[in-house]
Amino acid sequence: MTTASATKIDNRLNDLLDIRPVQPLIGAEIHGIDISKPLDPATRDAIRVAVVKHKVVFFRDQQLDNGAQTSFAQQFGTPYTHPSPNRDQKIASIHKIAAEDFKKYEVHDYAKRGDIYHSDTSWRLDPSWGAVLRAVDLPEVGGDTIWVDAHQAYEGLSDELKERLENLYVTHDFRRFLVPLGIDYPIIAHKVVRTHPESGQKILWVNSTLNPQILGLELAESRRLVEEIVDQYKRPEYQVRFSWKPGSVAFWDNRGSLHYAVRNYGDYPRVMERILIADEPIYAEI
């Protein structure tokens, strides 16, 4: 979809979809649509524009199984198969996200502190652009997910810090997970400040779950800057918090947002199903 057509759709989004913002800056619910059925091209394009504009959109009361979730995601690009062993036996691009699995992984300092703001597959040269997450087994209360507007987090920085971060790169190191699976993938570095390929907005792109280190700086200075960036993500005015219910689906833009799973539900075996949507390679940016 071209920028011109996206702008045209953006100007009449509310004529095509029933969009209700959840917060002023990020997040919206889309009502009156059954995403288990094929979308006509205009509706599909309008949903994509809404995802880019609002960073994350939510659908309620949907009746999806793995096949329907996959069919919905495929209308927005090629599903990406995550290397996690928690793949569906029949549909490899379906990735189960289970609470019990988080206990198995050793985490680094930022995650231990609870600063687990991240975007999916940023450890790749060509990260996925979108993600569709479906609730499968929920606790009675708790288990919300928070999304952060990475553009507003950037805009909230001082001019001096914006200028300093402009040409710096930060590591996205997933090898602690990949190596035990026999996958030899290098440590990737992306720009700390990226330009969103569709909206043109500048975003802060540091994944605090992937051992971030800003290249070319002393470790202490790198840590100080990363912590300052994470503090931006934690500001409530840049966030939307979504309470899951049976039939809930979230569709977000990994390039314009970060998210945080709130694990406040004790030992309940919460289960979600996720599909990632592949993006065009961004090698030229690296």
C-alpha atoms as a PDB file:
ATOM      1  CA  MET A   1       0.000   0.000   0.000  1.00  0.00           C
ATOM      2  CA  THR A   2       1.494   3.370  -1.038  1.00  0.00           C
ATOM      3  CA  THR A   3       1.867   6.343   1.289  1.00  0.00           C
ATOM      4  CA  ALA A   4      -0.691   8.273  -0.776  1.00  0.00           C
ATOM      5  CA  SER A   5      -3.308   5.529  -0.501  1.00  0.00           C
ATOM      6  CA  ALA A   6      -2.587   5.120   3.233  1.00  0.00           C
ATOM      7  CA  THR A   7      -3.129   8.859   3.741  1.00  0.00           C
ATOM      8  CA  LYS A   8      -6.390   8.696   1.782  1.00  0.00           C
ATOM      9  CA  ILE A   9      -7.630   5.814   3.935  1.00  0.00           C
ATOM     10  CA  ASP A  10      -6.465   7.563   7.103  1.00  0.00           C
ATOM     11  CA  ASN A  11      -8.654  10.547   6.260  1.00  0.00           C
ATOM     12  CA  ARG A  12     -11.785   8.367   6.210  1.00  0.00           C
ATOM     13  CA  LEU A  13     -10.881   5.666   8.731  1.00  0.00           C
ATOM     14  CA  ASN A  14     -13.962   6.288  10.831  1.00  0.00           C
ATOM     15  CA  ASP A  15     -16.184   5.884   7.773  1.00  0.00           C
ATOM     16  CA  LEU A  16     -14.752   2.416   7.140  1.00  0.00           C
ATOM     17  CA  LEU A  17     -14.347   1.191  10.734  1.00  0.00           C
ATOM     18  CA  ASP A  18     -15.884   1.784  14.157  1.00  0.00           C
ATOM     19  CA  ILE A  19     -12.686   2.923  15.889  1.00  0.00           C
ATOM     20  CA  ARG A  20     -12.782   3.960  19.540  1.00  0.00           C
ATOM     21  CA  PRO A  21      -9.513   5.272  21.022  1.00  0.00           C
ATOM     22  CA  VAL A  22      -8.593   3.758  24.383  1.00  0.00           C
ATOM     23  CA  GLN A  23      -6.001   6.429  25.232  1.00  0.00           C
ATOM     24  CA  PRO A  24      -5.324   9.773  23.526  1.00  0.00           C
ATOM     25  CA  LEU A  25      -1.911   8.794  22.149  1.00  0.00           C
ATOM     26  CA  ILE A  26      -1.950   5.016  21.730  1.00  0.00           C
ATOM     27  CA  GLY A  27      -4.423   2.174  21.421  1.00  0.00           C
ATOM     28  CA  ALA A  28      -7.905   1.825  19.946  1.00  0.00           C
ATOM     29  CA  GLU A  29     -10.693  -0.742  19.917  1.00  0.00           C
ATOM     30  CA  ILE A  30     -12.298  -1.670  16.602  1.00  0.00           C
ATOM     31  CA  HIS A  31     -15.930  -2.723  16.889  1.00  0.00           C
ATOM     32  CA  GLY A  32     -18.533  -4.184  14.559  1.00  0.00           C
ATOM     33  CA  ILE A  33     -16.257  -6.530  12.600  1.00  0.00           C
ATOM     34  CA  ASP A  34     -15.844 -10.305  12.607  1.00  0.00           C
ATOM     35  CA  ILE A  35     -12.175 -10.956  11.912  1.00  0.00           C
ATOM     36  CA  SER A  36     -12.764 -14.693  11.543  1.00  0.00           C
ATOM     37  CA  LYS A  37     -14.168 -13.919   8.064  1.00  0.00           C
ATOM     38  CA  PRO A  38     -12.193 -12.742   5.019  1.00  0.00           C
ATOM     39  CA  LEU A  39     -11.801  -8.967   4.815  1.00  0.00           C
ATOM     40  CA  ASP A  40     -12.555  -6.943   1.720  1.00  0.00           C
ATOM     41  CA  PRO A  41      -9.508  -4.971   0.490  1.00  0.00           C
ATOM     42  CA  ALA A  42     -10.758  -1.591   1.765  1.00  0.00           C
ATOM     43  CA  THR A  43     -11.405  -2.931   5.263  1.00  0.00           C
ATOM     44  CA  ARG A  44      -8.076  -4.756   5.338  1.00  0.00           C
ATOM     45  CA  ASP A  45      -6.174  -1.618   4.315  1.00  0.00           C
ATOM     46  CA  ALA A  46      -8.099   0.480   6.828  1.00  0.00           C
ATOM     47  CA  ILE A  47      -7.182  -1.913   9.649  1.00  0.00           C
ATOM     48  CA  ARG A  48      -3.521  -1.732   8.694  1.00  0.00           C
ATOM     49  CA  VAL A  49      -3.620   2.068   8.661  1.00  0.00           C
ATOM     50  CA  ALA A  50      -5.325   2.002  12.070  1.00  0.00           C
ATOM     51  CA  VAL A  51      -2.605  -0.287  13.441  1.00  0.00           C
ATOM     52  CA  VAL A  52       0.136   2.060  12.212  1.00  0.00           C
ATOM     53  CA  LYS A  53      -1.707   5.146  13.477  1.00  0.00           C
ATOM     54  CA  HIS A  54      -2.739   3.830  16.917  1.00  0.00           C
ATOM     55  CA  LYS A  55       0.252   1.447  17.336  1.00  0.00           C
ATOM     56  CA  VAL A  56      -2.067  -1.286  18.663  1.00  0.00           C
ATOM     57  CA  VAL A  57      -5.738  -2.095  18.024  1.00  0.00           C
ATOM     58  CA  PHE A  58      -8.021  -4.435  19.935  1.00  0.00           C
ATOM     59  CA  PHE A  59     -10.941  -6.611  18.926  1.00  0.00           C
ATOM     60  CA  ARG A  60     -13.441  -7.991  21.434  1.00  0.00           C
ATOM     61  CA  ASP A  61     -15.785 -11.007  21.356  1.00  0.00           C
ATOM     62  CA  GLN A  62     -14.053 -12.782  18.487  1.00  0.00           C
ATOM     63  CA  GLN A  63     -14.466 -16.503  17.844  1.00  0.00           C
ATOM     64  CA  LEU A  64     -11.082 -17.579  16.508  1.00  0.00           C
ATOM     65  CA  ASP A  65      -9.227 -20.853  16.414  1.00  0.00           C
ATOM     66  CA  ASN A  66      -5.637 -21.212  15.214  1.00  0.00           C
ATOM     67  CA  GLY A  67      -6.702 -21.526  11.593  1.00  0.00           C
ATOM     68  CA  ALA A  68      -8.865 -18.392  11.667  1.00  0.00           C
ATOM     69  CA  GLN A  69      -6.165 -16.431  13.489  1.00  0.00           C
ATOM     70  CA  THR A  70      -3.673 -17.452  10.816  1.00  0.00           C
ATOM     71  CA  SER A  71      -6.048 -16.527   7.998  1.00  0.00           C
ATOM     72  CA  PHE A  72      -6.579 -13.095   9.524  1.00  0.00           C
ATOM     73  CA  ALA A  73      -2.844 -12.449   9.915  1.00  0.00           C
ATOM     74  CA  GLN A  74      -2.047 -13.663   6.381  1.00  0.00           C
ATOM     75  CA  GLN A  75      -4.107 -10.842   4.939  1.00  0.00           C
ATOM     76  CA  PHE A  76      -1.455  -8.436   6.236  1.00  0.00           C
ATOM     77  CA  GLY A  77       1.693 -10.275   5.163  1.00  0.00           C
ATOM     78  CA  THR A  78       3.603 -13.519   5.408  1.00  0.00           C
ATOM     79  CA  PRO A  79       3.496 -15.187   8.836  1.00  0.00           C
ATOM     80  CA  TYR A  80       6.901 -15.597  10.449  1.00  0.00           C
ATOM     81  CA  THR A  81       7.829 -18.891  12.111  1.00  0.00           C
ATOM     82  CA  HIS A  82       9.501 -18.193  15.449  1.00  0.00           C
ATOM     83  CA  PRO A  83      12.332 -20.600  16.441  1.00  0.00           C
ATOM     84  CA  SER A  84      10.673 -21.298  19.782  1.00  0.00           C
ATOM     85  CA  PRO A  85       9.807 -24.983  20.331  1.00  0.00           C
ATOM     86  CA  ASN A  86       6.327 -23.822  21.460  1.00  0.00           C
ATOM     87  CA  ARG A  87       5.000 -23.906  17.905  1.00  0.00           C
ATOM     88  CA  ASP A  88       1.654 -25.346  16.974  1.00  0.00           C
ATOM     89  CA  GLN A  89       2.022 -28.880  15.602  1.00  0.00           C
ATOM     90  CA  LYS A  90      -0.118 -28.113  12.548  1.00  0.00           C
ATOM     91  CA  ILE A  91       0.484 -24.380  11.974  1.00  0.00           C
ATOM     92  CA  ALA A  92       4.142 -23.593  12.619  1.00  0.00           C
ATOM     93  CA  SER A  93       3.641 -19.820  12.657  1.00  0.00           C
ATOM     94  CA  ILE A  94       1.373 -20.097  15.711  1.00  0.00           C
ATOM     95  CA  HIS A  95       3.529 -19.551  18.784  1.00  0.00           C
ATOM     96  CA  LYS A  96       2.145 -20.454  22.205  1.00  0.00           C
ATOM     97  CA  ILE A  97       3.092 -17.989  24.930  1.00  0.00           C
ATOM     98  CA  ALA A  98       2.595 -19.788  28.233  1.00  0.00           C
ATOM     99  CA  ALA A  99       3.225 -18.375  31.699  1.00  0.00           C
ATOM    100  CA  GLU A 100       4.974 -21.557  32.821  1.00  0.00           C
ATOM    101  CA  ASP A 101       7.657 -21.156  30.142  1.00  0.00           C
ATOM    102  CA  PHE A 102       8.955 -17.866  31.531  1.00  0.00           C
ATOM    103  CA  LYS A 103      10.237 -19.723  34.572  1.00  0.00           C
ATOM    104  CA  LYS A 104      12.676 -21.681  32.400  1.00  0.00           C
ATOM    105  CA  TYR A 105      14.704 -18.828  31.001  1.00  0.00           C
ATOM    106  CA  GLU A 106      17.576 -17.051  32.641  1.00  0.00           C
ATOM    107  CA  VAL A 107      17.138 -13.304  32.290  1.00  0.00           C
ATOM    108  CA  HIS A 108      19.515 -10.362  32.425  1.00  0.00           C
ATOM    109  CA  ASP A 109      19.521  -7.395  34.768  1.00  0.00           C
ATOM    110  CA  TYR A 110      16.871  -5.268  33.066  1.00  0.00           C
ATOM    111  CA  ALA A 111      14.366  -8.120  33.040  1.00  0.00           C
ATOM    112  CA  LYS A 112      15.181  -8.964  36.650  1.00  0.00           C
ATOM    113  CA  ARG A 113      14.265  -5.404  37.554  1.00  0.00           C
ATOM    114  CA  GLY A 114      10.941  -5.833  35.792  1.00  0.00           C
ATOM    115  CA  ASP A 115      11.812  -3.453  32.949  1.00  0.00           C
ATOM    116  CA  ILE A 116      10.762  -5.979  30.306  1.00  0.00           C
ATOM    117  CA  TYR A 117       9.706  -3.567  27.584  1.00  0.00           C
ATOM    118  CA  HIS A 118      10.332  -5.165  24.211  1.00  0.00           C
ATOM    119  CA  SER A 119       9.321  -5.565  20.580  1.00  0.00           C
ATOM    120  CA  ASP A 120       9.157  -9.003  18.990  1.00  0.00           C
ATOM    121  CA  THR A 121      12.070 -10.397  16.940  1.00  0.00           C
ATOM    122  CA  SER A 122      14.131  -7.199  17.129  1.00  0.00           C
ATOM    123  CA  TRP A 123      17.079  -9.606  17.367  1.00  0.00           C
ATOM    124  CA  ARG A 124      16.737 -10.250  13.624  1.00  0.00           C
ATOM    125  CA  LEU A 125      18.158  -8.216  10.755  1.00  0.00           C
ATOM    126  CA  ASP A 126      14.592  -8.038   9.424  1.00  0.00           C
ATOM    127  CA  PRO A 127      12.236  -8.034  12.432  1.00  0.00           C
ATOM    128  CA  SER A 128       8.559  -8.820  12.055  1.00  0.00           C
ATOM    129  CA  TRP A 129       6.366  -5.781  11.443  1.00  0.00           C
ATOM    130  CA  GLY A 130       3.156  -6.913  13.107  1.00  0.00           C
ATOM    131  CA  ALA A 131       1.813  -9.309  15.707  1.00  0.00           C
ATOM    132  CA  VAL A 132      -1.640 -10.792  16.304  1.00  0.00           C
ATOM    133  CA  LEU A 133      -2.181 -12.110  19.841  1.00  0.00           C
ATOM    134  CA  ARG A 134      -5.226 -14.127  20.941  1.00  0.00           C
ATOM    135  CA  ALA A 135      -6.298 -14.958  24.481  1.00  0.00           C
ATOM    136  CA  VAL A 136      -6.634 -18.715  25.055  1.00  0.00           C
ATOM    137  CA  ASP A 137      -6.608 -19.359  28.818  1.00  0.00           C
ATOM    138  CA  LEU A 138      -6.888 -16.366  31.141  1.00  0.00           C
ATOM    139  CA  PRO A 139      -6.786 -15.867  34.898  1.00  0.00           C
ATOM    140  CA  GLU A 140      -9.983 -14.526  36.419  1.00  0.00           C
ATOM    141  CA  VAL A 141      -8.246 -11.205  37.059  1.00  0.00           C
ATOM    142  CA  GLY A 142      -4.810  -9.848  36.145  1.00  0.00           C
ATOM    143  CA  GLY A 143      -2.534 -10.595  33.243  1.00  0.00           C
ATOM    144  CA  ASP A 144      -2.962  -7.287  31.401  1.00  0.00           C
ATOM    145  CA  THR A 145      -0.605  -6.212  28.624  1.00  0.00           C
ATOM    146  CA  ILE A 146       0.859  -2.721  28.305  1.00  0.00           C
ATOM    147  CA  TRP A 147       1.886  -1.141  25.005  1.00  0.00           C
ATOM    148  CA  VAL A 148       4.129   1.917  24.709  1.00  0.00           C
ATOM    149  CA  ASP A 149       4.091   4.500  21.929  1.00  0.00           C
ATOM    150  CA  ALA A 150       7.778   4.517  20.987  1.00  0.00           C
ATOM    151  CA  HIS A 151       7.360   7.753  19.022  1.00  0.00           C
ATOM    152  CA  GLN A 152       5.943   9.654  21.970  1.00  0.00           C
ATOM    153  CA  ALA A 153       8.713   8.221  24.149  1.00  0.00           C
ATOM    154  CA  TYR A 154      11.190   9.757  21.693  1.00  0.00           C
ATOM    155  CA  GLU A 155       9.334  13.074  21.561  1.00  0.00           C
ATOM    156  CA  GLY A 156       9.497  13.291  25.361  1.00  0.00           C
ATOM    157  CA  LEU A 157      13.307  13.386  25.355  1.00  0.00           C
ATOM    158  CA  SER A 158      15.229  16.604  25.718  1.00  0.00           C
ATOM    159  CA  ASP A 159      16.603  18.076  22.490  1.00  0.00           C
ATOM    160  CA  GLU A 160      20.115  17.453  23.791  1.00  0.00           C
ATOM    161  CA  LEU A 161      19.445  13.753  24.367  1.00  0.00           C
ATOM    162  CA  LYS A 162      17.689  13.389  21.003  1.00  0.00           C
ATOM    163  CA  GLU A 163      20.770  14.774  19.295  1.00  0.00           C
ATOM    164  CA  ARG A 164      23.076  12.493  21.250  1.00  0.00           C
ATOM    165  CA  LEU A 165      21.116   9.333  20.469  1.00  0.00           C
ATOM    166  CA  GLU A 166      20.527  10.134  16.810  1.00  0.00           C
ATOM    167  CA  ASN A 167      23.395   8.129  15.293  1.00  0.00           C
ATOM    168  CA  LEU A 168      23.979   5.536  17.992  1.00  0.00           C
ATOM    169  CA  TYR A 169      23.366   1.800  17.671  1.00  0.00           C
ATOM    170  CA  VAL A 170      22.228  -0.631  20.357  1.00  0.00           C
ATOM    171  CA  THR A 171      22.574  -4.408  20.532  1.00  0.00           C
ATOM    172  CA  HIS A 172      19.648  -6.848  20.429  1.00  0.00           C
ATOM    173  CA  ASP A 173      21.166 -10.055  21.773  1.00  0.00           C
ATOM    174  CA  PHE A 174      18.942 -13.168  21.701  1.00  0.00           C
ATOM    175  CA  ARG A 175      21.735 -15.708  21.723  1.00  0.00           C
ATOM    176  CA  ARG A 176      20.985 -16.933  25.256  1.00  0.00           C
ATOM    177  CA  PHE A 177      17.809 -18.406  23.777  1.00  0.00           C
ATOM    178  CA  LEU A 178      19.030 -19.313  20.280  1.00  0.00           C
ATOM    179  CA  VAL A 179      22.289 -21.104  21.114  1.00  0.00           C
ATOM    180  CA  PRO A 180      20.629 -23.846  23.212  1.00  0.00           C
ATOM    181  CA  LEU A 181      18.380 -24.500  20.200  1.00  0.00           C
ATOM    182  CA  GLY A 182      21.418 -24.974  17.972  1.00  0.00           C
ATOM    183  CA  ILE A 183      20.835 -21.707  16.105  1.00  0.00           C
ATOM    184  CA  ASP A 184      23.947 -19.683  15.316  1.00  0.00           C
ATOM    185  CA  TYR A 185      22.605 -16.165  14.797  1.00  0.00           C
ATOM    186  CA  PRO A 186      24.841 -13.122  15.342  1.00  0.00           C
ATOM    187  CA  ILE A 187      24.240 -10.307  17.795  1.00  0.00           C
ATOM    188  CA  ILE A 188      22.428  -7.586  15.868  1.00  0.00           C
ATOM    189  CA  ALA A 189      22.658  -3.837  16.411  1.00  0.00           C
ATOM    190  CA  HIS A 190      19.926  -1.447  15.278  1.00  0.00           C
ATOM    191  CA  LYS A 191      19.735   2.318  15.503  1.00  0.00           C
ATOM    192  CA  VAL A 192      18.577   3.597  18.877  1.00  0.00           C
ATOM    193  CA  VAL A 193      16.440   6.141  17.015  1.00  0.00           C
ATOM    194  CA  ARG A 194      14.743   4.658  13.965  1.00  0.00           C
ATOM    195  CA  THR A 195      12.426   6.203  11.401  1.00  0.00           C
ATOM    196  CA  HIS A 196       9.183   4.293  10.981  1.00  0.00           C
ATOM    197  CA  PRO A 197       9.007   3.193   7.308  1.00  0.00           C
ATOM    198  CA  GLU A 198       5.288   4.026   6.935  1.00  0.00           C
ATOM    199  CA  SER A 199       4.491   6.874   9.306  1.00  0.00           C
ATOM    200  CA  GLY A 200       7.872   8.613   9.061  1.00  0.00           C
ATOM    201  CA  GLN A 201       7.857   9.078  12.843  1.00  0.00           C
ATOM    202  CA  LYS A 202      11.047   8.793  14.841  1.00  0.00           C
ATOM    203  CA  ILE A 203      10.920   6.078  17.477  1.00  0.00           C
ATOM    204  CA  LEU A 204      13.031   4.933  20.413  1.00  0.00           C
ATOM    205  CA  TRP A 205      13.925   1.316  19.745  1.00  0.00           C
ATOM    206  CA  VAL A 206      15.687  -0.367  22.661  1.00  0.00           C
ATOM    207  CA  ASN A 207      14.651  -3.887  23.667  1.00  0.00           C
ATOM    208  CA  SER A 208      15.222  -4.205  27.392  1.00  0.00           C
ATOM    209  CA  THR A 209      14.847  -8.005  27.274  1.00  0.00           C
ATOM    210  CA  LEU A 210      17.794  -8.452  24.880  1.00  0.00           C
ATOM    211  CA  ASN A 211      20.778  -7.292  26.916  1.00  0.00           C
ATOM    212  CA  PRO A 212      20.963  -3.838  25.303  1.00  0.00           C
ATOM    213  CA  GLN A 213      24.343  -2.170  25.022  1.00  0.00           C
ATOM    214  CA  ILE A 214      24.873   1.068  23.135  1.00  0.00           C
ATOM    215  CA  LEU A 215      27.918   0.692  20.919  1.00  0.00           C
ATOM    216  CA  GLY A 216      30.871   3.019  21.177  1.00  0.00           C
ATOM    217  CA  LEU A 217      30.207   4.004  24.796  1.00  0.00           C
ATOM    218  CA  GLU A 218      31.657   2.923  28.095  1.00  0.00           C
ATOM    219  CA  LEU A 219      29.465   0.287  29.726  1.00  0.00           C
ATOM    220  CA  ALA A 220      28.461   2.587  32.582  1.00  0.00           C
ATOM    221  CA  GLU A 221      27.419   5.332  30.178  1.00  0.00           C
ATOM    222  CA  SER A 222      25.557   2.841  27.977  1.00  0.00           C
ATOM    223  CA  ARG A 223      23.652   1.563  30.980  1.00  0.00           C
ATOM    224  CA  ARG A 224      22.771   5.098  32.085  1.00  0.00           C
ATOM    225  CA  LEU A 225      21.337   5.973  28.668  1.00  0.00           C
ATOM    226  CA  VAL A 226      19.430   2.697  28.362  1.00  0.00           C
ATOM    227  CA  GLU A 227      17.891   3.258  31.775  1.00  0.00           C
ATOM    228  CA  GLU A 228      16.886   6.778  30.762  1.00  0.00           C
ATOM    229  CA  ILE A 229      15.192   5.359  27.659  1.00  0.00           C
ATOM    230  CA  VAL A 230      13.408   2.658  29.657  1.00  0.00           C
ATOM    231  CA  ASP A 231      12.212   5.351  32.063  1.00  0.00           C
ATOM    232  CA  GLN A 232      10.522   6.978  29.059  1.00  0.00           C
ATOM    233  CA  TYR A 233       8.733   3.723  28.243  1.00  0.00           C
ATOM    234  CA  LYS A 234       7.446   3.555  31.824  1.00  0.00           C
ATOM    235  CA  ARG A 235       5.659   6.930  31.672  1.00  0.00           C
ATOM    236  CA  PRO A 236       1.890   6.251  31.839  1.00  0.00           C
ATOM    237  CA  GLU A 237       1.002   9.008  29.373  1.00  0.00           C
ATOM    238  CA  TYR A 238       2.786   7.064  26.610  1.00  0.00           C
ATOM    239  CA  GLN A 239       1.053   3.773  27.448  1.00  0.00           C
ATOM    240  CA  VAL A 240      -2.166   1.878  26.955  1.00  0.00           C
ATOM    241  CA  ARG A 241      -3.085  -1.003  29.269  1.00  0.00           C
ATOM    242  CA  PHE A 242      -5.376  -3.725  27.949  1.00  0.00           C
ATOM    243  CA  SER A 243      -7.386  -6.096  30.129  1.00  0.00           C
ATOM    244  CA  TRP A 244      -7.915  -9.386  28.359  1.00  0.00           C
ATOM    245  CA  LYS A 245     -11.257 -11.168  28.225  1.00  0.00           C
ATOM    246  CA  PRO A 246     -12.301 -14.360  26.413  1.00  0.00           C
ATOM    247  CA  GLY A 247     -12.484 -13.567  22.699  1.00  0.00           C
ATOM    248  CA  SER A 248      -9.989 -10.676  22.895  1.00  0.00           C
ATOM    249  CA  VAL A 249      -7.447 -10.141  20.106  1.00  0.00           C
ATOM    250  CA  ALA A 250      -4.670  -7.531  19.880  1.00  0.00           C
ATOM    251  CA  PHE A 251      -2.958  -6.501  16.643  1.00  0.00           C
ATOM    252  CA  TRP A 252       0.061  -4.226  16.974  1.00  0.00           C
ATOM    253  CA  ASP A 253       2.896  -2.630  15.048  1.00  0.00           C
ATOM    254  CA  ASN A 254       6.257  -3.879  16.318  1.00  0.00           C
ATOM    255  CA  ARG A 255       7.999  -0.967  14.579  1.00  0.00           C
ATOM    256  CA  GLY A 256       6.137   1.760  16.423  1.00  0.00           C
ATOM    257  CA  SER A 257       5.525   0.252  19.847  1.00  0.00           C
ATOM    258  CA  LEU A 258       6.931  -1.844  22.637  1.00  0.00           C
ATOM    259  CA  HIS A 259       4.962  -3.988  25.047  1.00  0.00           C
ATOM    260  CA  TYR A 260       5.105  -5.406  28.544  1.00  0.00           C
ATOM    261  CA  ALA A 261       3.237  -8.453  29.868  1.00  0.00           C
ATOM    262  CA  VAL A 262       2.050  -7.852  33.428  1.00  0.00           C
ATOM    263  CA  ARG A 263       2.636 -11.063  35.404  1.00  0.00           C
ATOM    264  CA  ASN A 264       0.471 -10.419  38.451  1.00  0.00           C
ATOM    265  CA  TYR A 265      -1.629 -13.590  38.374  1.00  0.00           C
ATOM    266  CA  GLY A 266       0.443 -15.926  40.537  1.00  0.00           C
ATOM    267  CA  ASP A 267       0.801 -19.504  39.324  1.00  0.00           C
ATOM    268  CA  TYR A 268      -2.174 -19.465  36.961  1.00  0.00           C
ATOM    269  CA  PRO A 269      -1.156 -21.153  33.659  1.00  0.00           C
ATOM    270  CA  ARG A 270      -2.087 -18.230  31.396  1.00  0.00           C
ATOM    271  CA  VAL A 271      -1.832 -19.103  27.701  1.00  0.00           C
ATOM    272  CA  MET A 272      -1.882 -16.870  24.625  1.00  0.00           C
ATOM    273  CA  GLU A 273      -1.401 -17.680  20.934  1.00  0.00           C
ATOM    274  CA  ARG A 274       0.636 -15.302  18.771  1.00  0.00           C
ATOM    275  CA  ILE A 275       1.343 -14.924  15.072  1.00  0.00           C
ATOM    276  CA  LEU A 276       4.104 -12.613  13.874  1.00  0.00           C
ATOM    277  CA  ILE A 277       3.927 -11.011  10.424  1.00  0.00           C
ATOM    278  CA  ALA A 278       7.184 -10.722   8.494  1.00  0.00           C
ATOM    279  CA  ASP A 279       8.454  -7.373   7.234  1.00  0.00           C
ATOM    280  CA  GLU A 280      10.551  -6.360   4.283  1.00  0.00           C
ATOM    281  CA  PRO A 281      14.307  -6.653   4.987  1.00  0.00           C
ATOM    282  CA  ILE A 282      15.821  -3.512   6.512  1.00  0.00           C
ATOM    283  CA  TYR A 283      19.455  -4.334   5.796  1.00  0.00           C
ATOM    284  CA  ALA A 284      20.014  -0.907   4.236  1.00  0.00           C
ATOM    285  CA  GLU A 285      19.320   0.721   7.605  1.00  0.00           C
ATOM    286  CA  ILE A 286      22.022  -1.224   9.425  1.00  0.00           C
END
